[in-house]
Amino acid sequence: MSKTSVEKLKTLKAIAETLNQGHDLKETLDEVLRELLSLTGLQSGWIFLIEPDESYTLAASAYLPPALSQRENVLMCSGDCYCLIKFSNGGLTNAANIMNCKRIELAKQANSYDTEGITHHATVPLEDGDRRFGLLNVAAGGKTFFNEEELHLLEAVAFQIGTAIQRMKLAEYEQQNALLVERSRLAQELHDSVNQMLFSVSLTAKAAKTLTDDERLRQMISFIQELSQDALAEMRALIWQLRPESLTKGLCESIKSYAALIGLQAVCERADVPPITDEQEHALWRIAQEALNNCKKHAGTGRVSISVAEEPEYAELKIADQGAGFSVEAHAGLPSLGIGGMKARAEACGARFTLLSELGSGTIISVKLPLDGKRRTKR
């Protein structure tokens, strides 16, 4: 891996060009890792992104040995290792030699799959300014030590990667913010136009009933009034979904507020919300919305119970009603129930979705987010 200064500059230039052209975080990091390994003659590499709560994600990997890539990189996506522990303890400020790889050790203990001779790796923190948020690890079979020149090159590459990650995250944030602005604009337009028109129709129908004594005509006008009121309630719920109240007041309270908006009484039995990520909280919120909508339309009851709690191994959202219930098998493919959408949202954030229901016995929806002690791993 030893290079002249010119060769190092060529390596850094090639890495910089790849990073500058990238827009998708995972694809860019995967490509950069492959390029780095090709330019340095190393064999394998991986990147961890680490959250402030010390949960981490395997953000990218390249040419992992079978011992580490088995079962969709399971050994890389859970548990602690020496480099993460050193990072958490504040003992990793520069590129360093990790004497051995704990994940490789676990694979060797299980006596399964090939390590391809890898036993050690170098590790270097990813940072932008004073904030550290990840690790770059590289390794090669039979290589147990990285010299100072090699570590300096890895530090320079890590600096480039850290800056690029922050740039891409900022761009993603700006896109998300633009989407929220557009959703808010659409909600305002619906409120100012369609919502007001429906309200006017309802008032007009109410007034029209007083202008006739024809009973059949009065019944038709009453029907128009009821339809407009139902449509108005649907429109208000849609506007609320496009521009919901902030979740800063708490997931359980936000769910209760939405339930009240659509005419349900929600009782929060427990509200011990664990410190889950914003993405996970948003997913639970959307699942709860769909569950409440189903209850309003199909359950025939005005009361639901909500539980948001942390257990030793998982965080759970549970929504239950004592309404009409239904046969799960008979309605498994019914789009209006939105079961597939709720299940997909849950699985997208690594959660387990279950639905229990019987005719006449109500419905229970449960979403369980797995937790791993202090360190919660996101895949």
Protein backbone atom coordinates (compact mmCIF):
# COMPACT_ATOMS: atom_id res chain seq x y z
CA MET A 1 0.00 0.00 0.00
CA SER A 2 3.08 2.26 0.28
CA LYS A 3 2.83 5.10 -2.27
CA THR A 4 4.71 8.17 -3.30
CA SER A 5 3.18 11.59 -2.67
CA VAL A 6 2.07 11.74 -6.30
CA GLU A 7 0.36 8.37 -6.04
CA LYS A 8 -1.40 9.48 -2.85
CA LEU A 9 -2.68 12.60 -4.56
CA LYS A 10 -3.97 10.49 -7.43
CA THR A 11 -5.81 8.27 -4.97
CA LEU A 12 -7.37 11.23 -3.17
CA LYS A 13 -8.32 12.84 -6.48
CA ALA A 14 -10.07 9.68 -7.68
CA ILE A 15 -11.95 9.33 -4.39
CA ALA A 16 -12.96 13.01 -4.44
CA GLU A 17 -14.33 12.73 -7.98
CA THR A 18 -16.47 9.73 -7.04
CA LEU A 19 -17.80 11.47 -3.93
CA ASN A 20 -18.57 14.70 -5.77
CA GLN A 21 -20.60 12.87 -8.40
CA GLY A 22 -22.63 10.87 -5.87
CA HIS A 23 -26.16 11.68 -4.75
CA ASP A 24 -27.41 8.42 -3.25
CA LEU A 25 -25.57 7.83 0.03
CA LYS A 26 -25.35 4.03 0.05
CA GLU A 27 -24.52 3.67 -3.65
CA THR A 28 -21.82 6.33 -3.39
CA LEU A 29 -20.22 4.84 -0.29
CA ASP A 30 -20.24 1.34 -1.78
CA GLU A 31 -18.54 2.66 -4.91
CA VAL A 32 -15.97 4.66 -2.93
CA LEU A 33 -15.08 1.61 -0.86
CA ARG A 34 -14.53 -0.51 -3.96
CA GLU A 35 -12.39 2.23 -5.50
CA LEU A 36 -10.35 2.70 -2.32
CA LEU A 37 -9.64 -1.03 -2.09
CA SER A 38 -8.65 -1.17 -5.76
CA LEU A 39 -6.28 1.79 -5.44
CA THR A 40 -4.64 0.59 -2.23
CA GLY A 41 -4.51 -3.14 -2.90
CA LEU A 42 -6.53 -3.92 0.20
CA GLN A 43 -9.13 -6.66 0.27
CA SER A 44 -12.23 -5.64 2.25
CA GLY A 45 -13.86 -2.54 3.71
CA TRP A 46 -16.96 -1.36 5.53
CA ILE A 47 -18.43 1.84 6.94
CA PHE A 48 -20.47 2.25 10.12
CA LEU A 49 -22.60 5.37 10.67
CA ILE A 50 -23.14 6.00 14.37
CA GLU A 51 -26.00 7.96 15.95
CA PRO A 52 -25.68 10.13 19.08
CA ASP A 53 -27.46 7.39 21.07
CA GLU A 54 -24.71 4.97 19.92
CA SER A 55 -26.97 2.95 17.65
CA TYR A 56 -25.25 2.23 14.38
CA THR A 57 -25.89 1.26 10.78
CA LEU A 58 -23.76 -0.72 8.36
CA ALA A 59 -23.92 2.03 5.74
CA ALA A 60 -21.69 0.40 3.14
CA SER A 61 -19.45 -2.59 2.55
CA ALA A 62 -17.23 -4.01 -0.18
CA TYR A 63 -15.86 -7.52 -0.67
CA LEU A 64 -16.61 -8.78 2.84
CA PRO A 65 -15.38 -12.32 3.43
CA PRO A 66 -18.13 -14.97 3.65
CA ALA A 67 -17.66 -15.08 7.44
CA LEU A 68 -18.90 -11.48 7.67
CA SER A 69 -21.34 -11.38 4.74
CA GLN A 70 -23.27 -14.54 5.69
CA ARG A 71 -27.04 -14.21 6.15
CA GLU A 72 -27.22 -10.67 4.80
CA ASN A 73 -24.27 -9.38 6.88
CA VAL A 74 -25.90 -10.42 10.15
CA LEU A 75 -22.62 -10.29 12.11
CA MET A 76 -22.03 -6.74 10.87
CA CYS A 77 -25.46 -5.45 11.85
CA SER A 78 -25.70 -6.30 15.55
CA GLY A 79 -23.68 -6.35 18.73
CA ASP A 80 -20.53 -4.52 19.80
CA CYS A 81 -16.99 -4.74 18.48
CA TYR A 82 -13.66 -3.31 19.52
CA CYS A 83 -13.67 -0.34 17.15
CA LEU A 84 -17.21 0.72 18.14
CA ILE A 85 -16.39 0.41 21.83
CA LYS A 86 -13.26 2.50 21.37
CA PHE A 87 -15.26 5.07 19.39
CA SER A 88 -17.93 5.27 22.13
CA ASN A 89 -15.31 5.65 24.86
CA GLY A 90 -13.73 8.59 23.05
CA GLY A 91 -10.47 6.71 22.54
CA LEU A 92 -10.55 6.82 18.76
CA THR A 93 -9.54 10.24 17.46
CA ASN A 94 -7.24 9.28 14.59
CA ALA A 95 -6.68 6.35 12.26
CA ALA A 96 -5.57 3.34 14.28
CA ASN A 97 -4.67 -0.32 14.10
CA ILE A 98 -7.29 -2.53 15.71
CA MET A 99 -5.33 -5.52 17.02
CA ASN A 100 -8.00 -7.97 15.90
CA CYS A 101 -11.58 -8.00 14.68
CA LYS A 102 -14.16 -9.19 17.22
CA ARG A 103 -16.65 -10.03 14.48
CA ILE A 104 -14.09 -12.27 12.77
CA GLU A 105 -13.42 -13.90 16.14
CA LEU A 106 -17.13 -14.66 16.54
CA ALA A 107 -17.25 -16.15 13.06
CA LYS A 108 -14.22 -18.33 13.77
CA GLN A 109 -15.73 -19.50 17.05
CA ALA A 110 -18.83 -20.59 15.17
CA ASN A 111 -16.49 -22.50 12.83
CA SER A 112 -18.54 -21.50 9.83
CA TYR A 113 -17.71 -19.75 6.56
CA ASP A 114 -14.39 -18.51 5.28
CA THR A 115 -12.60 -15.50 6.80
CA GLU A 116 -10.29 -15.29 3.74
CA GLY A 117 -7.34 -14.80 6.06
CA ILE A 118 -8.62 -11.55 7.59
CA THR A 119 -7.91 -11.19 11.30
CA HIS A 120 -7.15 -7.48 11.79
CA HIS A 121 -8.30 -4.17 10.34
CA ALA A 122 -7.46 -0.47 10.43
CA THR A 123 -10.15 1.93 11.56
CA VAL A 124 -10.51 5.69 11.22
CA PRO A 125 -13.30 7.97 12.48
CA LEU A 126 -15.52 9.82 10.01
CA GLU A 127 -16.09 13.42 10.99
CA ASP A 128 -17.09 16.83 9.78
CA GLY A 129 -15.70 19.64 11.85
CA ASP A 130 -15.95 18.72 15.53
CA ARG A 131 -18.67 16.12 15.04
CA ARG A 132 -17.77 12.45 14.66
CA PHE A 133 -20.46 10.19 13.26
CA GLY A 134 -18.96 7.02 11.84
CA LEU A 135 -16.06 4.67 11.16
CA LEU A 136 -14.19 3.56 8.06
CA ASN A 137 -12.64 0.10 8.37
CA VAL A 138 -10.35 -1.65 5.87
CA ALA A 139 -8.61 -5.01 5.98
CA ALA A 140 -6.67 -7.58 3.96
CA GLY A 141 -5.94 -11.25 4.48
CA GLY A 142 -2.70 -11.80 6.41
CA LYS A 143 -2.27 -8.07 7.11
CA THR A 144 -1.95 -7.41 10.84
CA PHE A 145 -0.41 -3.93 10.87
CA PHE A 146 -0.85 -0.62 9.02
CA ASN A 147 2.11 1.73 9.02
CA GLU A 148 1.97 5.47 9.64
CA GLU A 149 1.98 6.33 5.93
CA GLU A 150 -0.98 4.05 5.30
CA LEU A 151 -2.92 5.45 8.24
CA HIS A 152 -2.34 9.04 7.08
CA LEU A 153 -3.77 8.18 3.67
CA LEU A 154 -6.82 6.57 5.30
CA GLU A 155 -7.33 9.70 7.43
CA ALA A 156 -7.33 11.87 4.32
CA VAL A 157 -9.83 9.57 2.60
CA ALA A 158 -12.02 9.47 5.71
CA PHE A 159 -12.07 13.27 5.83
CA GLN A 160 -13.32 13.35 2.23
CA ILE A 161 -15.97 10.72 2.96
CA GLY A 162 -17.15 12.53 6.11
CA THR A 163 -17.54 15.83 4.24
CA ALA A 164 -19.42 14.12 1.40
CA ILE A 165 -21.78 12.33 3.81
CA GLN A 166 -22.73 15.62 5.43
CA ARG A 167 -23.26 17.21 2.01
CA MET A 168 -25.58 14.39 0.88
CA LYS A 169 -27.49 14.42 4.17
CA LEU A 170 -27.96 18.17 3.86
CA ALA A 171 -29.29 17.73 0.32
CA GLU A 172 -31.66 15.02 1.53
CA TYR A 173 -32.86 17.27 4.34
CA GLU A 174 -33.51 20.09 1.88
CA GLN A 175 -35.54 17.72 -0.34
CA GLN A 176 -37.58 16.53 2.63
CA ASN A 177 -38.14 20.11 3.74
CA ALA A 178 -39.30 21.04 0.23
CA LEU A 179 -41.75 18.13 0.33
CA LEU A 180 -43.12 19.29 3.67
CA VAL A 181 -43.55 22.81 2.31
CA GLU A 182 -45.45 21.45 -0.71
CA ARG A 183 -47.67 19.29 1.51
CA SER A 184 -48.41 22.32 3.67
CA ARG A 185 -49.26 24.39 0.60
CA LEU A 186 -51.61 21.69 -0.70
CA ALA A 187 -53.27 21.41 2.71
CA GLN A 188 -53.83 25.17 2.80
CA GLU A 189 -55.36 25.14 -0.70
CA LEU A 190 -57.70 22.29 0.22
CA HIS A 191 -58.70 24.16 3.36
CA ASP A 192 -59.34 27.42 1.53
CA SER A 193 -61.21 25.92 -1.43
CA VAL A 194 -62.72 22.42 -1.17
CA ASN A 195 -63.15 22.53 2.59
CA GLN A 196 -64.96 25.86 2.47
CA MET A 197 -67.17 24.75 -0.42
CA LEU A 198 -68.25 21.63 1.44
CA PHE A 199 -69.02 23.74 4.49
CA SER A 200 -71.11 26.06 2.31
CA VAL A 201 -73.03 23.12 0.81
CA SER A 202 -73.84 21.86 4.29
CA LEU A 203 -75.11 25.27 5.43
CA THR A 204 -77.08 25.77 2.21
CA ALA A 205 -78.76 22.37 2.57
CA LYS A 206 -79.64 23.13 6.18
CA ALA A 207 -81.23 26.43 5.14
CA ALA A 208 -83.02 24.86 2.15
CA LYS A 209 -84.96 22.47 4.38
CA THR A 210 -86.71 25.41 5.98
CA LEU A 211 -87.99 26.66 2.60
CA THR A 212 -90.19 23.67 1.69
CA ASP A 213 -92.96 21.59 3.22
CA ASP A 214 -92.54 18.74 0.75
CA GLU A 215 -91.42 15.80 2.92
CA ARG A 216 -89.76 13.91 0.07
CA LEU A 217 -87.78 16.99 -0.90
CA ARG A 218 -86.82 17.61 2.73
CA GLN A 219 -85.50 14.02 2.96
CA MET A 220 -83.41 14.50 -0.18
CA ILE A 221 -82.00 17.76 1.17
CA SER A 222 -81.23 16.06 4.49
CA PHE A 223 -79.37 13.35 2.61
CA ILE A 224 -77.34 16.02 0.76
CA GLN A 225 -76.54 17.68 4.07
CA GLU A 226 -75.37 14.39 5.61
CA LEU A 227 -73.18 13.60 2.61
CA SER A 228 -71.60 17.05 2.70
CA GLN A 229 -70.92 16.73 6.43
CA ASP A 230 -69.31 13.32 5.94
CA ALA A 231 -67.20 14.68 3.08
CA LEU A 232 -66.24 17.67 5.24
CA ALA A 233 -65.05 15.34 8.01
CA GLU A 234 -63.02 13.32 5.49
CA MET A 235 -61.50 16.50 4.07
CA ARG A 236 -60.50 17.78 7.52
CA ALA A 237 -58.83 14.44 8.28
CA LEU A 238 -56.97 14.58 4.96
CA ILE A 239 -55.79 18.12 5.62
CA TRP A 240 -54.61 17.07 9.08
CA GLN A 241 -52.63 14.19 7.57
CA LEU A 242 -51.00 16.48 5.03
CA ARG A 243 -50.10 18.99 7.72
CA PRO A 244 -50.17 17.10 11.03
CA GLU A 245 -49.55 18.53 14.43
CA SER A 246 -45.97 18.26 15.60
CA LEU A 247 -44.96 14.97 17.18
CA THR A 248 -42.89 16.93 19.70
CA LYS A 249 -45.78 16.72 22.17
CA GLY A 250 -45.48 12.95 22.10
CA LEU A 251 -46.56 10.07 19.90
CA CYS A 252 -49.41 8.98 22.15
CA GLU A 253 -50.84 12.50 22.49
CA SER A 254 -50.63 13.05 18.72
CA ILE A 255 -52.52 9.80 18.11
CA LYS A 256 -55.17 10.86 20.64
CA SER A 257 -55.54 14.22 18.90
CA TYR A 258 -56.05 12.59 15.53
CA ALA A 259 -58.57 10.15 17.02
CA ALA A 260 -60.58 13.08 18.42
CA LEU A 261 -60.48 14.81 15.04
CA ILE A 262 -62.17 11.87 13.31
CA GLY A 263 -64.67 11.32 16.11
CA LEU A 264 -63.05 8.60 18.22
CA GLN A 265 -62.27 8.57 21.92
CA ALA A 266 -58.76 7.25 22.43
CA VAL A 267 -57.60 6.11 25.86
CA CYS A 268 -53.84 5.91 26.34
CA GLU A 269 -53.20 3.06 28.78
CA ARG A 270 -49.43 3.50 28.81
CA ALA A 271 -47.22 6.17 27.30
CA ASP A 272 -43.67 5.15 28.22
CA VAL A 273 -42.26 5.99 24.80
CA PRO A 274 -38.67 4.75 24.30
CA PRO A 275 -36.04 6.94 22.58
CA ILE A 276 -36.70 5.66 19.06
CA THR A 277 -35.51 7.47 15.93
CA ASP A 278 -37.56 10.15 14.15
CA GLU A 279 -38.08 7.79 11.20
CA GLN A 280 -39.40 5.03 13.46
CA GLU A 281 -41.68 7.44 15.31
CA HIS A 282 -43.06 8.77 12.02
CA ALA A 283 -43.71 5.20 10.79
CA LEU A 284 -45.59 4.33 14.00
CA TRP A 285 -47.58 7.54 13.65
CA ARG A 286 -48.67 6.72 10.09
CA ILE A 287 -49.57 3.14 11.05
CA ALA A 288 -51.67 4.48 13.93
CA GLN A 289 -53.47 6.87 11.56
CA GLU A 290 -54.45 4.02 9.24
CA ALA A 291 -55.54 1.86 12.17
CA LEU A 292 -57.75 4.65 13.54
CA ASN A 293 -59.24 5.28 10.10
CA ASN A 294 -60.14 1.58 9.87
CA CYS A 295 -61.72 1.70 13.31
CA LYS A 296 -63.80 4.73 12.39
CA LYS A 297 -65.03 3.19 9.13
CA HIS A 298 -65.45 -0.49 10.01
CA ALA A 299 -65.38 -1.22 13.75
CA GLY A 300 -68.71 0.31 14.76
CA THR A 301 -67.28 1.65 18.01
CA GLY A 302 -66.24 5.10 19.13
CA ARG A 303 -63.56 4.03 21.60
CA VAL A 304 -60.03 2.71 21.12
CA SER A 305 -57.16 2.03 23.51
CA ILE A 306 -53.55 2.98 22.77
CA SER A 307 -50.37 1.65 24.31
CA VAL A 308 -46.85 2.87 23.51
CA ALA A 309 -44.32 1.18 25.74
CA GLU A 310 -40.80 -0.19 26.03
CA GLU A 311 -40.16 -3.81 26.96
CA PRO A 312 -36.72 -5.37 27.58
CA GLU A 313 -36.23 -6.40 23.94
CA TYR A 314 -38.61 -4.21 21.95
CA ALA A 315 -40.71 -1.05 21.80
CA GLU A 316 -44.37 -1.69 21.04
CA LEU A 317 -47.27 0.33 19.71
CA LYS A 318 -50.63 -1.35 20.29
CA ILE A 319 -54.06 -0.10 19.17
CA ALA A 320 -57.12 -2.10 20.19
CA ASP A 321 -60.89 -1.74 19.91
CA GLN A 322 -63.86 -3.78 21.05
CA GLY A 323 -65.76 -3.25 17.82
CA ALA A 324 -67.23 -5.54 15.19
CA GLY A 325 -63.98 -7.21 14.22
CA PHE A 326 -63.60 -9.22 11.05
CA SER A 327 -62.24 -12.46 9.67
CA VAL A 328 -58.58 -11.74 8.89
CA GLU A 329 -58.33 -14.51 6.30
CA ALA A 330 -61.49 -13.44 4.49
CA HIS A 331 -60.36 -9.81 4.28
CA ALA A 332 -56.61 -10.32 3.76
CA GLY A 333 -56.71 -8.83 0.29
CA LEU A 334 -59.18 -6.01 0.95
CA PRO A 335 -57.39 -2.78 -0.05
CA SER A 336 -59.69 -0.52 1.99
CA LEU A 337 -58.37 -1.97 5.22
CA GLY A 338 -54.83 -0.88 4.33
CA ILE A 339 -53.33 -3.88 6.12
CA GLY A 340 -50.63 -4.30 3.49
CA GLY A 341 -49.63 -0.66 3.79
CA MET A 342 -49.34 -0.82 7.58
CA LYS A 343 -47.31 -4.02 7.38
CA ALA A 344 -45.00 -2.52 4.75
CA ARG A 345 -44.41 0.61 6.86
CA ALA A 346 -43.58 -1.54 9.89
CA GLU A 347 -41.17 -3.79 8.01
CA ALA A 348 -39.47 -0.77 6.40
CA CYS A 349 -38.31 0.38 9.84
CA GLY A 350 -37.38 -3.13 11.01
CA ALA A 351 -40.52 -3.74 13.04
CA ARG A 352 -42.86 -6.72 13.30
CA PHE A 353 -46.52 -6.10 12.44
CA THR A 354 -49.31 -8.32 13.75
CA LEU A 355 -53.09 -8.04 13.50
CA LEU A 356 -55.57 -10.05 15.58
CA SER A 357 -59.29 -9.87 14.91
CA GLU A 358 -62.41 -12.00 15.11
CA LEU A 359 -65.99 -11.26 14.19
CA GLY A 360 -67.66 -9.64 17.18
CA SER A 361 -64.46 -9.56 19.24
CA GLY A 362 -62.73 -6.39 18.10
CA THR A 363 -59.30 -5.85 16.57
CA ILE A 364 -55.78 -5.52 17.98
CA ILE A 365 -52.90 -4.10 15.95
CA SER A 366 -49.37 -4.43 17.31
CA VAL A 367 -46.09 -3.04 15.97
CA LYS A 368 -42.90 -4.20 17.71
CA LEU A 369 -39.57 -2.45 17.13
CA PRO A 370 -36.64 -4.65 18.25
CA LEU A 371 -34.23 -3.10 20.73
CA ASP A 372 -30.77 -4.31 21.68
CA GLY A 373 -30.03 -2.90 25.10
CA LYS A 374 -28.39 0.49 24.97
CA ARG A 375 -27.28 0.04 21.37
CA ARG A 376 -30.23 -0.33 19.00
CA THR A 377 -29.10 -1.54 15.61
CA LYS A 378 -30.83 -0.31 12.44
CA ARG A 379 -30.55 -2.41 9.30
